[in-house]
PDB file of N, CA and C in Angstrom:
ATOM      1  N   MET A   1       0.735  -1.350  -0.060  1.00  0.00           N
ATOM      2  CA  MET A   1      -0.596   0.163  -0.274  1.00  0.00           C
ATOM      3  C   MET A   1       0.777   1.310  -0.169  1.00  0.00           C
ATOM      4  N   GLY A   2       2.059   1.071   0.557  1.00  0.00           N
ATOM      5  CA  GLY A   2       2.715   2.674   0.081  1.00  0.00           C
ATOM      6  C   GLY A   2       2.918   3.062   2.024  1.00  0.00           C
ATOM      7  N   SER A   3       4.032   4.022   2.270  1.00  0.00           N
ATOM      8  CA  SER A   3       4.344   4.108   2.846  1.00  0.00           C
ATOM      9  C   SER A   3       2.781   5.176   3.332  1.00  0.00           C
ATOM     10  N   TYR A   4       3.197   5.080   5.579  1.00  0.00           N
ATOM     11  CA  TYR A   4       1.191   5.599   5.729  1.00  0.00           C
ATOM     12  C   TYR A   4       1.973   7.253   6.458  1.00  0.00           C
ATOM     13  N   PRO A   5       1.737   8.281   6.917  1.00  0.00           N
ATOM     14  CA  PRO A   5       0.403   8.406   6.101  1.00  0.00           C
ATOM     15  C   PRO A   5       0.825   8.182   4.739  1.00  0.00           C
ATOM     16  N   PRO A   6      -0.257   9.463   3.802  1.00  0.00           N
ATOM     17  CA  PRO A   6      -0.204   9.332   1.966  1.00  0.00           C
ATOM     18  C   PRO A   6       0.931  10.600   2.551  1.00  0.00           C
ATOM     19  N   ILE A   7       1.259  11.023   1.296  1.00  0.00           N
ATOM     20  CA  ILE A   7       1.356  12.978   0.957  1.00  0.00           C
ATOM     21  C   ILE A   7       1.889  12.963  -0.047  1.00  0.00           C
ATOM     22  N   ASN A   8       1.351  14.717  -0.589  1.00  0.00           N
ATOM     23  CA  ASN A   8       1.536  14.760  -2.134  1.00  0.00           C
ATOM     24  C   ASN A   8       1.797  16.402  -1.762  1.00  0.00           C
ATOM     25  N   VAL A   9       3.157  16.441  -2.364  1.00  0.00           N
ATOM     26  CA  VAL A   9       4.280  17.398  -2.229  1.00  0.00           C
ATOM     27  C   VAL A   9       3.621  18.625  -3.337  1.00  0.00           C
ATOM     28  N   PHE A  10       3.310  20.033  -3.830  1.00  0.00           N
ATOM     29  CA  PHE A  10       3.467  20.254  -4.864  1.00  0.00           C
ATOM     30  C   PHE A  10       3.425  21.652  -4.801  1.00  0.00           C
ATOM     31  N   GLN A  11       4.331  22.688  -5.677  1.00  0.00           N
ATOM     32  CA  GLN A  11       5.098  23.581  -5.878  1.00  0.00           C
ATOM     33  C   GLN A  11       3.894  25.016  -5.698  1.00  0.00           C
ATOM     34  N   GLN A  12       4.068  25.601  -5.323  1.00  0.00           N
ATOM     35  CA  GLN A  12       3.049  26.921  -5.178  1.00  0.00           C
ATOM     36  C   GLN A  12       3.641  28.509  -5.350  1.00  0.00           C
ATOM     37  N   GLY A  13       4.607  28.673  -6.114  1.00  0.00           N
ATOM     38  CA  GLY A  13       5.175  29.914  -6.461  1.00  0.00           C
ATOM     39  C   GLY A  13       6.762  29.315  -6.119  1.00  0.00           C
ATOM     40  N   ASP A  14       7.332  30.180  -4.895  1.00  0.00           N
ATOM     41  CA  ASP A  14       8.833  29.769  -4.842  1.00  0.00           C
ATOM     42  C   ASP A  14       8.975  28.929  -3.613  1.00  0.00           C
ATOM     43  N   ASP A  15       6.728  28.749  -3.128  1.00  0.00           N
ATOM     44  CA  ASP A  15       6.596  27.424  -1.663  1.00  0.00           C
ATOM     45  C   ASP A  15       6.066  26.309  -2.142  1.00  0.00           C
ATOM     46  N   LEU A  16       6.345  25.356  -1.331  1.00  0.00           N
ATOM     47  CA  LEU A  16       5.507  23.492  -1.414  1.00  0.00           C
ATOM     48  C   LEU A  16       4.582  23.808  -0.524  1.00  0.00           C
ATOM     49  N   VAL A  17       3.409  23.558  -0.791  1.00  0.00           N
ATOM     50  CA  VAL A  17       2.428  22.364  -0.259  1.00  0.00           C
ATOM     51  C   VAL A  17       2.354  20.872   0.030  1.00  0.00           C
ATOM     52  N   ALA A  18       2.224  20.852   0.890  1.00  0.00           N
ATOM     53  CA  ALA A  18       2.089  19.808   1.372  1.00  0.00           C
ATOM     54  C   ALA A  18       0.095  18.809   2.054  1.00  0.00           C
ATOM     55  N   ILE A  19       0.428  17.824   1.507  1.00  0.00           N
ATOM     56  CA  ILE A  19      -1.354  17.818   1.687  1.00  0.00           C
ATOM     57  C   ILE A  19      -1.301  15.930   2.412  1.00  0.00           C
ATOM     58  N   ILE A  20      -1.168  15.459   3.561  1.00  0.00           N
ATOM     59  CA  ILE A  20      -0.921  14.734   4.542  1.00  0.00           C
ATOM     60  C   ILE A  20      -2.551  13.966   5.182  1.00  0.00           C
ATOM     61  N   GLU A  21      -2.622  12.861   4.368  1.00  0.00           N
ATOM     62  CA  GLU A  21      -4.099  12.159   4.815  1.00  0.00           C
ATOM     63  C   GLU A  21      -3.912  11.343   6.324  1.00  0.00           C
ATOM     64  N   LEU A  22      -4.733  12.518   7.020  1.00  0.00           N
ATOM     65  CA  LEU A  22      -4.734  12.047   8.606  1.00  0.00           C
ATOM     66  C   LEU A  22      -5.673  11.072   8.976  1.00  0.00           C
ATOM     67  N   PRO A  23      -7.114  10.415   8.433  1.00  0.00           N
ATOM     68  CA  PRO A  23      -8.196  10.396   8.824  1.00  0.00           C
ATOM     69  C   PRO A  23      -8.589   9.833   9.876  1.00  0.00           C
ATOM     70  N   GLY A  24      -9.245   9.711  11.238  1.00  0.00           N
ATOM     71  CA  GLY A  24      -9.295   9.657  12.184  1.00  0.00           C
ATOM     72  C   GLY A  24      -8.141   9.902  12.903  1.00  0.00           C
ATOM     73  N   VAL A  25      -7.122  10.502  12.582  1.00  0.00           N
ATOM     74  CA  VAL A  25      -6.041  10.690  14.103  1.00  0.00           C
ATOM     75  C   VAL A  25      -6.958  12.532  13.805  1.00  0.00           C
ATOM     76  N   ASN A  26      -6.111  12.539  16.051  1.00  0.00           N
ATOM     77  CA  ASN A  26      -6.578  13.061  16.649  1.00  0.00           C
ATOM     78  C   ASN A  26      -5.762  14.650  16.381  1.00  0.00           C
ATOM     79  N   LYS A  27      -6.212  15.714  16.207  1.00  0.00           N
ATOM     80  CA  LYS A  27      -5.072  16.981  15.965  1.00  0.00           C
ATOM     81  C   LYS A  27      -3.774  16.890  17.396  1.00  0.00           C
ATOM     82  N   ALA A  28      -4.233  17.019  18.496  1.00  0.00           N
ATOM     83  CA  ALA A  28      -3.444  16.454  19.110  1.00  0.00           C
ATOM     84  C   ALA A  28      -2.037  15.498  19.431  1.00  0.00           C
ATOM     85  N   GLU A  29      -2.865  14.563  18.975  1.00  0.00           N
ATOM     86  CA  GLU A  29      -1.420  13.143  18.516  1.00  0.00           C
ATOM     87  C   GLU A  29      -0.795  13.394  17.263  1.00  0.00           C
ATOM     88  N   ILE A  30      -0.879  14.202  16.401  1.00  0.00           N
ATOM     89  CA  ILE A  30       0.096  15.116  15.354  1.00  0.00           C
ATOM     90  C   ILE A  30       1.923  15.595  16.074  1.00  0.00           C
ATOM     91  N   ASN A  31       2.269  15.175  15.624  1.00  0.00           N
ATOM     92  CA  ASN A  31       4.311  16.055  16.059  1.00  0.00           C
ATOM     93  C   ASN A  31       4.749  16.159  14.997  1.00  0.00           C
ATOM     94  N   ILE A  32       4.633  17.787  14.105  1.00  0.00           N
ATOM     95  CA  ILE A  32       5.442  17.678  13.129  1.00  0.00           C
ATOM     96  C   ILE A  32       7.365  19.008  13.900  1.00  0.00           C
ATOM     97  N   GLN A  33       7.846  18.237  12.588  1.00  0.00           N
ATOM     98  CA  GLN A  33       8.915  19.037  12.875  1.00  0.00           C
ATOM     99  C   GLN A  33       9.693  19.484  11.758  1.00  0.00           C
ATOM    100  N   ALA A  34      10.920  20.025  11.729  1.00  0.00           N
ATOM    101  CA  ALA A  34      10.606  20.774  10.440  1.00  0.00           C
ATOM    102  C   ALA A  34      13.066  21.442  10.712  1.00  0.00           C
ATOM    103  N   LYS A  35      13.892  21.213   9.810  1.00  0.00           N
ATOM    104  CA  LYS A  35      14.873  21.028   9.738  1.00  0.00           C
ATOM    105  C   LYS A  35      15.366  21.127   8.179  1.00  0.00           C
ATOM    106  N   GLY A  36      16.650  22.228   8.247  1.00  0.00           N
ATOM    107  CA  GLY A  36      17.149  22.263   6.944  1.00  0.00           C
ATOM    108  C   GLY A  36      16.094  21.536   5.529  1.00  0.00           C
ATOM    109  N   ASP A  37      16.333  20.684   4.736  1.00  0.00           N
ATOM    110  CA  ASP A  37      15.299  19.997   3.776  1.00  0.00           C
ATOM    111  C   ASP A  37      14.655  19.221   4.336  1.00  0.00           C
ATOM    112  N   THR A  38      14.490  18.883   5.481  1.00  0.00           N
ATOM    113  CA  THR A  38      13.167  18.084   6.072  1.00  0.00           C
ATOM    114  C   THR A  38      12.774  18.454   7.274  1.00  0.00           C
ATOM    115  N   ILE A  39      11.606  17.139   6.635  1.00  0.00           N
ATOM    116  CA  ILE A  39       9.840  17.566   7.779  1.00  0.00           C
ATOM    117  C   ILE A  39       9.234  16.319   8.100  1.00  0.00           C
ATOM    118  N   ARG A  40       9.150  16.174   8.694  1.00  0.00           N
ATOM    119  CA  ARG A  40       9.239  14.907   9.925  1.00  0.00           C
ATOM    120  C   ARG A  40       7.526  14.971  10.726  1.00  0.00           C
ATOM    121  N   ILE A  41       6.754  13.747  10.035  1.00  0.00           N
ATOM    122  CA  ILE A  41       5.338  13.950  10.569  1.00  0.00           C
ATOM    123  C   ILE A  41       5.214  12.735  11.638  1.00  0.00           C
ATOM    124  N   ALA A  42       4.654  12.984  12.796  1.00  0.00           N
ATOM    125  CA  ALA A  42       5.120  11.936  13.501  1.00  0.00           C
ATOM    126  C   ALA A  42       3.476  11.584  14.658  1.00  0.00           C
ATOM    127  N   GLY A  43       2.740  10.555  15.367  1.00  0.00           N
ATOM    128  CA  GLY A  43       1.377  10.367  16.238  1.00  0.00           C
ATOM    129  C   GLY A  43       1.209   9.428  16.253  1.00  0.00           C
ATOM    130  N   ARG A  44       0.169   8.964  16.484  1.00  0.00           N
ATOM    131  CA  ARG A  44      -0.810   7.838  16.520  1.00  0.00           C
ATOM    132  C   ARG A  44      -2.218   7.711  16.362  1.00  0.00           C
ATOM    133  N   LYS A  45      -2.637   7.158  15.586  1.00  0.00           N
ATOM    134  CA  LYS A  45      -3.788   6.541  15.641  1.00  0.00           C
ATOM    135  C   LYS A  45      -4.592   5.157  16.410  1.00  0.00           C
ATOM    136  N   SER A  46      -5.606   6.298  17.039  1.00  0.00           N
ATOM    137  CA  SER A  46      -6.148   5.065  18.525  1.00  0.00           C
ATOM    138  C   SER A  46      -7.717   5.050  17.688  1.00  0.00           C
ATOM    139  N   ILE A  47      -7.420   3.684  17.990  1.00  0.00           N
ATOM    140  CA  ILE A  47      -9.826   3.242  17.261  1.00  0.00           C
ATOM    141  C   ILE A  47     -10.149   2.808  18.909  1.00  0.00           C
ATOM    142  N   ASP A  48     -10.918   3.765  19.606  1.00  0.00           N
ATOM    143  CA  ASP A  48     -11.376   2.558  20.366  1.00  0.00           C
ATOM    144  C   ASP A  48     -12.725   2.082  20.861  1.00  0.00           C
ATOM    145  N   TYR A  49     -12.929   1.583  20.501  1.00  0.00           N
ATOM    146  CA  TYR A  49     -13.982   0.311  20.866  1.00  0.00           C
ATOM    147  C   TYR A  49     -14.639   0.435  22.343  1.00  0.00           C
ATOM    148  N   PRO A  50     -15.575  -0.069  22.450  1.00  0.00           N
ATOM    149  CA  PRO A  50     -16.589  -0.138  23.440  1.00  0.00           C
ATOM    150  C   PRO A  50     -16.314  -1.253  24.444  1.00  0.00           C
ATOM    151  N   GLU A  51     -16.690  -1.084  25.703  1.00  0.00           N
ATOM    152  CA  GLU A  51     -15.678  -2.501  26.265  1.00  0.00           C
ATOM    153  C   GLU A  51     -17.472  -3.848  26.225  1.00  0.00           C
ATOM    154  N   ASP A  52     -16.228  -4.750  26.476  1.00  0.00           N
ATOM    155  CA  ASP A  52     -17.546  -5.765  25.515  1.00  0.00           C
ATOM    156  C   ASP A  52     -17.677  -6.066  24.652  1.00  0.00           C
ATOM    157  N   VAL A  53     -17.062  -6.215  23.761  1.00  0.00           N
ATOM    158  CA  VAL A  53     -17.519  -5.974  22.124  1.00  0.00           C
ATOM    159  C   VAL A  53     -16.468  -7.406  21.895  1.00  0.00           C
ATOM    160  N   SER A  54     -17.868  -7.573  20.686  1.00  0.00           N
ATOM    161  CA  SER A  54     -16.328  -8.885  20.022  1.00  0.00           C
ATOM    162  C   SER A  54     -16.443  -8.107  19.487  1.00  0.00           C
ATOM    163  N   LEU A  55     -14.876  -8.376  18.545  1.00  0.00           N
ATOM    164  CA  LEU A  55     -14.795  -8.150  17.556  1.00  0.00           C
ATOM    165  C   LEU A  55     -14.536  -9.019  16.109  1.00  0.00           C
ATOM    166  N   HIS A  56     -15.371  -8.806  15.313  1.00  0.00           N
ATOM    167  CA  HIS A  56     -16.100 -10.034  14.250  1.00  0.00           C
ATOM    168  C   HIS A  56     -14.554  -9.241  12.749  1.00  0.00           C
ATOM    169  N   ARG A  57     -14.498  -8.192  12.435  1.00  0.00           N
ATOM    170  CA  ARG A  57     -14.090  -7.965  11.676  1.00  0.00           C
ATOM    171  C   ARG A  57     -12.595  -6.380  12.027  1.00  0.00           C
ATOM    172  N   ARG A  58     -11.181  -6.657  11.626  1.00  0.00           N
ATOM    173  CA  ARG A  58     -10.731  -5.392  12.284  1.00  0.00           C
ATOM    174  C   ARG A  58      -9.574  -4.997  10.642  1.00  0.00           C
ATOM    175  N   GLU A  59     -10.268  -4.154   9.953  1.00  0.00           N
ATOM    176  CA  GLU A  59      -9.402  -3.859   8.034  1.00  0.00           C
ATOM    177  C   GLU A  59      -8.478  -2.519   9.201  1.00  0.00           C
ATOM    178  N   ARG A  60      -9.336  -1.181  10.005  1.00  0.00           N
ATOM    179  CA  ARG A  60      -8.825   0.056  10.399  1.00  0.00           C
ATOM    180  C   ARG A  60      -7.442  -0.115  11.080  1.00  0.00           C
ATOM    181  N   LEU A  61      -6.809   0.372   9.836  1.00  0.00           N
ATOM    182  CA  LEU A  61      -5.260   0.465  11.270  1.00  0.00           C
ATOM    183  C   LEU A  61      -5.128   1.304  12.109  1.00  0.00           C
ATOM    184  N   SER A  62      -4.161   1.069  12.965  1.00  0.00           N
ATOM    185  CA  SER A  62      -4.315   2.203  13.895  1.00  0.00           C
ATOM    186  C   SER A  62      -2.830   1.786  14.993  1.00  0.00           C
ATOM    187  N   GLY A  63      -2.128   2.846  15.697  1.00  0.00           N
ATOM    188  CA  GLY A  63      -1.024   2.955  16.146  1.00  0.00           C
ATOM    189  C   GLY A  63       0.048   3.344  15.537  1.00  0.00           C
ATOM    190  N   SER A  64       1.483   4.041  16.177  1.00  0.00           N
ATOM    191  CA  SER A  64       1.637   4.904  16.292  1.00  0.00           C
ATOM    192  C   SER A  64       2.289   5.033  14.269  1.00  0.00           C
ATOM    193  N   PHE A  65       2.760   6.186  13.795  1.00  0.00           N
ATOM    194  CA  PHE A  65       3.210   6.497  12.533  1.00  0.00           C
ATOM    195  C   PHE A  65       4.733   7.244  12.997  1.00  0.00           C
ATOM    196  N   ASP A  66       5.830   7.574  11.856  1.00  0.00           N
ATOM    197  CA  ASP A  66       6.764   7.963  11.962  1.00  0.00           C
ATOM    198  C   ASP A  66       6.959   8.104   9.922  1.00  0.00           C
ATOM    199  N   ARG A  67       6.614   9.716   9.276  1.00  0.00           N
ATOM    200  CA  ARG A  67       7.110   9.581   7.934  1.00  0.00           C
ATOM    201  C   ARG A  67       8.005  11.147   7.897  1.00  0.00           C
ATOM    202  N   THR A  68       9.081  11.113   7.449  1.00  0.00           N
ATOM    203  CA  THR A  68      10.055  12.082   7.172  1.00  0.00           C
ATOM    204  C   THR A  68      10.504  12.297   5.321  1.00  0.00           C
ATOM    205  N   LEU A  69      10.368  13.500   5.336  1.00  0.00           N
ATOM    206  CA  LEU A  69       9.558  14.264   3.916  1.00  0.00           C
ATOM    207  C   LEU A  69      10.962  15.066   3.152  1.00  0.00           C
ATOM    208  N   VAL A  70      11.534  15.168   2.583  1.00  0.00           N
ATOM    209  CA  VAL A  70      12.966  15.122   2.659  1.00  0.00           C
ATOM    210  C   VAL A  70      13.083  16.217   0.687  1.00  0.00           C
ATOM    211  N   VAL A  71      12.351  18.166   0.927  1.00  0.00           N
ATOM    212  CA  VAL A  71      11.989  18.911  -0.407  1.00  0.00           C
ATOM    213  C   VAL A  71      13.383  19.102  -0.855  1.00  0.00           C
ATOM    214  N   PRO A  72      13.398  19.055  -2.643  1.00  0.00           N
ATOM    215  CA  PRO A  72      14.476  20.064  -2.660  1.00  0.00           C
ATOM    216  C   PRO A  72      14.912  21.023  -2.660  1.00  0.00           C
ATOM    217  N   MET A  73      14.412  21.664  -1.569  1.00  0.00           N
ATOM    218  CA  MET A  73      15.154  22.663  -0.730  1.00  0.00           C
ATOM    219  C   MET A  73      15.071  23.028   0.090  1.00  0.00           C
ATOM    220  N   GLN A  74      15.607  23.951   0.494  1.00  0.00           N
ATOM    221  CA  GLN A  74      16.009  24.774   1.820  1.00  0.00           C
ATOM    222  C   GLN A  74      14.704  25.354   1.683  1.00  0.00           C
ATOM    223  N   ILE A  75      14.110  25.280   3.247  1.00  0.00           N
ATOM    224  CA  ILE A  75      12.723  25.523   4.173  1.00  0.00           C
ATOM    225  C   ILE A  75      13.162  26.676   5.286  1.00  0.00           C
ATOM    226  N   ASP A  76      12.460  27.410   5.578  1.00  0.00           N
ATOM    227  CA  ASP A  76      12.019  27.965   6.900  1.00  0.00           C
ATOM    228  C   ASP A  76      11.000  28.002   7.629  1.00  0.00           C
ATOM    229  N   PRO A  77      11.838  26.685   8.345  1.00  0.00           N
ATOM    230  CA  PRO A  77      11.105  26.050   9.162  1.00  0.00           C
ATOM    231  C   PRO A  77      10.108  27.253  10.560  1.00  0.00           C
ATOM    232  N   ASP A  78      10.428  27.982  10.416  1.00  0.00           N
ATOM    233  CA  ASP A  78       9.956  28.721  11.680  1.00  0.00           C
ATOM    234  C   ASP A  78       9.250  29.915  10.832  1.00  0.00           C
ATOM    235  N   ALA A  79       8.583  29.713   9.769  1.00  0.00           N
ATOM    236  CA  ALA A  79       7.316  30.393   8.975  1.00  0.00           C
ATOM    237  C   ALA A  79       6.574  29.462   8.283  1.00  0.00           C
ATOM    238  N   ILE A  80       7.151  27.859   9.036  1.00  0.00           N
ATOM    239  CA  ILE A  80       5.665  26.956   8.717  1.00  0.00           C
ATOM    240  C   ILE A  80       4.558  27.118   8.703  1.00  0.00           C
ATOM    241  N   LYS A  81       3.341  26.978   8.106  1.00  0.00           N
ATOM    242  CA  LYS A  81       2.238  27.156   8.540  1.00  0.00           C
ATOM    243  C   LYS A  81       1.205  25.737   8.508  1.00  0.00           C
ATOM    244  N   ALA A  82       0.720  24.771   9.431  1.00  0.00           N
ATOM    245  CA  ALA A  82      -0.296  23.587   9.585  1.00  0.00           C
ATOM    246  C   ALA A  82      -1.870  23.847  10.011  1.00  0.00           C
ATOM    247  N   GLU A  83      -2.554  23.259   8.549  1.00  0.00           N
ATOM    248  CA  GLU A  83      -3.747  23.180   9.154  1.00  0.00           C
ATOM    249  C   GLU A  83      -4.148  22.064   8.974  1.00  0.00           C
ATOM    250  N   TYR A  84      -5.418  21.443   9.737  1.00  0.00           N
ATOM    251  CA  TYR A  84      -5.783  20.492   9.796  1.00  0.00           C
ATOM    252  C   TYR A  84      -7.456  20.085  10.098  1.00  0.00           C
ATOM    253  N   ASN A  85      -7.321  19.709   9.088  1.00  0.00           N
ATOM    254  CA  ASN A  85      -9.505  20.625   9.578  1.00  0.00           C
ATOM    255  C   ASN A  85      -9.902  18.370   8.171  1.00  0.00           C
ATOM    256  N   ASN A  86     -10.680  17.980   8.697  1.00  0.00           N
ATOM    257  CA  ASN A  86     -11.757  16.547   7.992  1.00  0.00           C
ATOM    258  C   ASN A  86     -10.969  15.689   8.116  1.00  0.00           C
ATOM    259  N   GLY A  87      -9.579  15.430   8.714  1.00  0.00           N
ATOM    260  CA  GLY A  87      -8.283  14.483   8.442  1.00  0.00           C
ATOM    261  C   GLY A  87      -7.251  14.919   7.289  1.00  0.00           C
ATOM    262  N   LEU A  88      -7.509  15.927   6.894  1.00  0.00           N
ATOM    263  CA  LEU A  88      -5.917  16.376   5.922  1.00  0.00           C
ATOM    264  C   LEU A  88      -5.599  17.672   6.709  1.00  0.00           C
ATOM    265  N   LEU A  89      -4.230  17.304   6.376  1.00  0.00           N
ATOM    266  CA  LEU A  89      -3.432  18.306   7.901  1.00  0.00           C
ATOM    267  C   LEU A  89      -2.324  18.620   5.744  1.00  0.00           C
ATOM    268  N   ALA A  90      -2.499  20.317   5.981  1.00  0.00           N
ATOM    269  CA  ALA A  90      -2.048  21.230   5.093  1.00  0.00           C
ATOM    270  C   ALA A  90      -0.695  21.589   5.092  1.00  0.00           C
ATOM    271  N   LEU A  91       0.510  21.113   5.047  1.00  0.00           N
ATOM    272  CA  LEU A  91       1.191  22.410   5.445  1.00  0.00           C
ATOM    273  C   LEU A  91       1.767  23.667   4.247  1.00  0.00           C
ATOM    274  N   PHE A  92       2.223  23.870   4.623  1.00  0.00           N
ATOM    275  CA  PHE A  92       2.461  25.893   4.469  1.00  0.00           C
ATOM    276  C   PHE A  92       3.986  25.607   4.401  1.00  0.00           C
ATOM    277  N   ILE A  93       4.896  25.408   2.994  1.00  0.00           N
ATOM    278  CA  ILE A  93       5.785  25.038   3.731  1.00  0.00           C
ATOM    279  C   ILE A  93       7.237  26.491   2.105  1.00  0.00           C
ATOM    280  N   PRO A  94       7.293  27.410   3.740  1.00  0.00           N
ATOM    281  CA  PRO A  94       8.370  28.578   2.529  1.00  0.00           C
ATOM    282  C   PRO A  94       9.553  27.612   2.180  1.00  0.00           C
ATOM    283  N   ARG A  95       9.648  28.873   0.756  1.00  0.00           N
ATOM    284  CA  ARG A  95      11.619  28.733   0.568  1.00  0.00           C
ATOM    285  C   ARG A  95      11.637  29.386   1.756  1.00  0.00           C
ATOM    286  N   ALA A  96      13.566  28.980   2.014  1.00  0.00           N
ATOM    287  CA  ALA A  96      13.959  30.130   2.725  1.00  0.00           C
ATOM    288  C   ALA A  96      14.536  30.621   1.689  1.00  0.00           C
ATOM    289  N   GLU A  97      14.996  32.103   2.420  1.00  0.00           N
ATOM    290  CA  GLU A  97      15.756  33.671   1.799  1.00  0.00           C
ATOM    291  C   GLU A  97      16.743  33.004   0.581  1.00  0.00           C
ATOM    292  N   GLN A  98      17.057  32.576   1.659  1.00  0.00           N
ATOM    293  CA  GLN A  98      19.255  31.777   0.807  1.00  0.00           C
ATOM    294  C   GLN A  98      19.045  31.461  -0.435  1.00  0.00           C
ATOM    295  N   ASP A  99      18.171  30.672  -0.171  1.00  0.00           N
ATOM    296  CA  ASP A  99      17.491  29.766  -1.060  1.00  0.00           C
ATOM    297  C   ASP A  99      17.110  29.563  -2.501  1.00  0.00           C
ATOM    298  N   LYS A 100      16.298  30.712  -2.476  1.00  0.00           N
ATOM    299  CA  LYS A 100      15.593  31.745  -2.931  1.00  0.00           C
ATOM    300  C   LYS A 100      16.941  31.986  -4.308  1.00  0.00           C
ATOM    301  N   PRO A 101      16.565  31.688  -5.620  1.00  0.00           N
ATOM    302  CA  PRO A 101      17.258  32.377  -6.465  1.00  0.00           C
ATOM    303  C   PRO A 101      17.517  33.680  -6.944  1.00  0.00           C
ATOM    304  N   ARG A 102      18.431  34.915  -7.170  1.00  0.00           N
ATOM    305  CA  ARG A 102      18.758  35.632  -6.702  1.00  0.00           C
ATOM    306  C   ARG A 102      19.388  36.284  -8.590  1.00  0.00           C
ATOM    307  N   THR A 103      18.727  37.497  -9.111  1.00  0.00           N
ATOM    308  CA  THR A 103      18.320  38.525 -10.266  1.00  0.00           C
ATOM    309  C   THR A 103      20.582  38.758 -10.179  1.00  0.00           C
ATOM    310  N   ILE A 104      20.877  39.273 -10.661  1.00  0.00           N
ATOM    311  CA  ILE A 104      22.744  39.460 -11.295  1.00  0.00           C
ATOM    312  C   ILE A 104      21.787  40.557 -11.891  1.00  0.00           C
ATOM    313  N   GLU A 105      22.086  42.417 -11.218  1.00  0.00           N
ATOM    314  CA  GLU A 105      22.854  43.397 -12.238  1.00  0.00           C
ATOM    315  C   GLU A 105      23.951  43.195 -13.135  1.00  0.00           C
ATOM    316  N   ILE A 106      23.816  43.259 -14.691  1.00  0.00           N
ATOM    317  CA  ILE A 106      24.787  43.707 -15.110  1.00  0.00           C
ATOM    318  C   ILE A 106      25.007  44.616 -14.847  1.00  0.00           C
ATOM    319  N   ARG A 107      26.743  45.414 -15.021  1.00  0.00           N
ATOM    320  CA  ARG A 107      26.955  47.135 -15.041  1.00  0.00           C
ATOM    321  C   ARG A 107      27.527  47.265 -16.501  1.00  0.00           C
TER     322      ARG A 107
END
């Protein structure tokens, strides 16, 4: 099935946007760290069942996850913004100023 959680990354101008699917994960259980060109998303997905039930089928996954995303540019970790809504985590990842191309003036 691939790595969990699934991540799509796209470029928007100079910056990146990452969309991470985390259905059923409590926002308080998500930990995001960033440094250099690396972003780490870790957390835990819990599925609670009522007491005194008998499970007949268990296909939904639960447990800890830890995913590292390496991006093709230096990023500004202090300026990353995260939004979590309806099981989707959106990371808005700005490119570091020192990594942006500069125009050289010819004299």
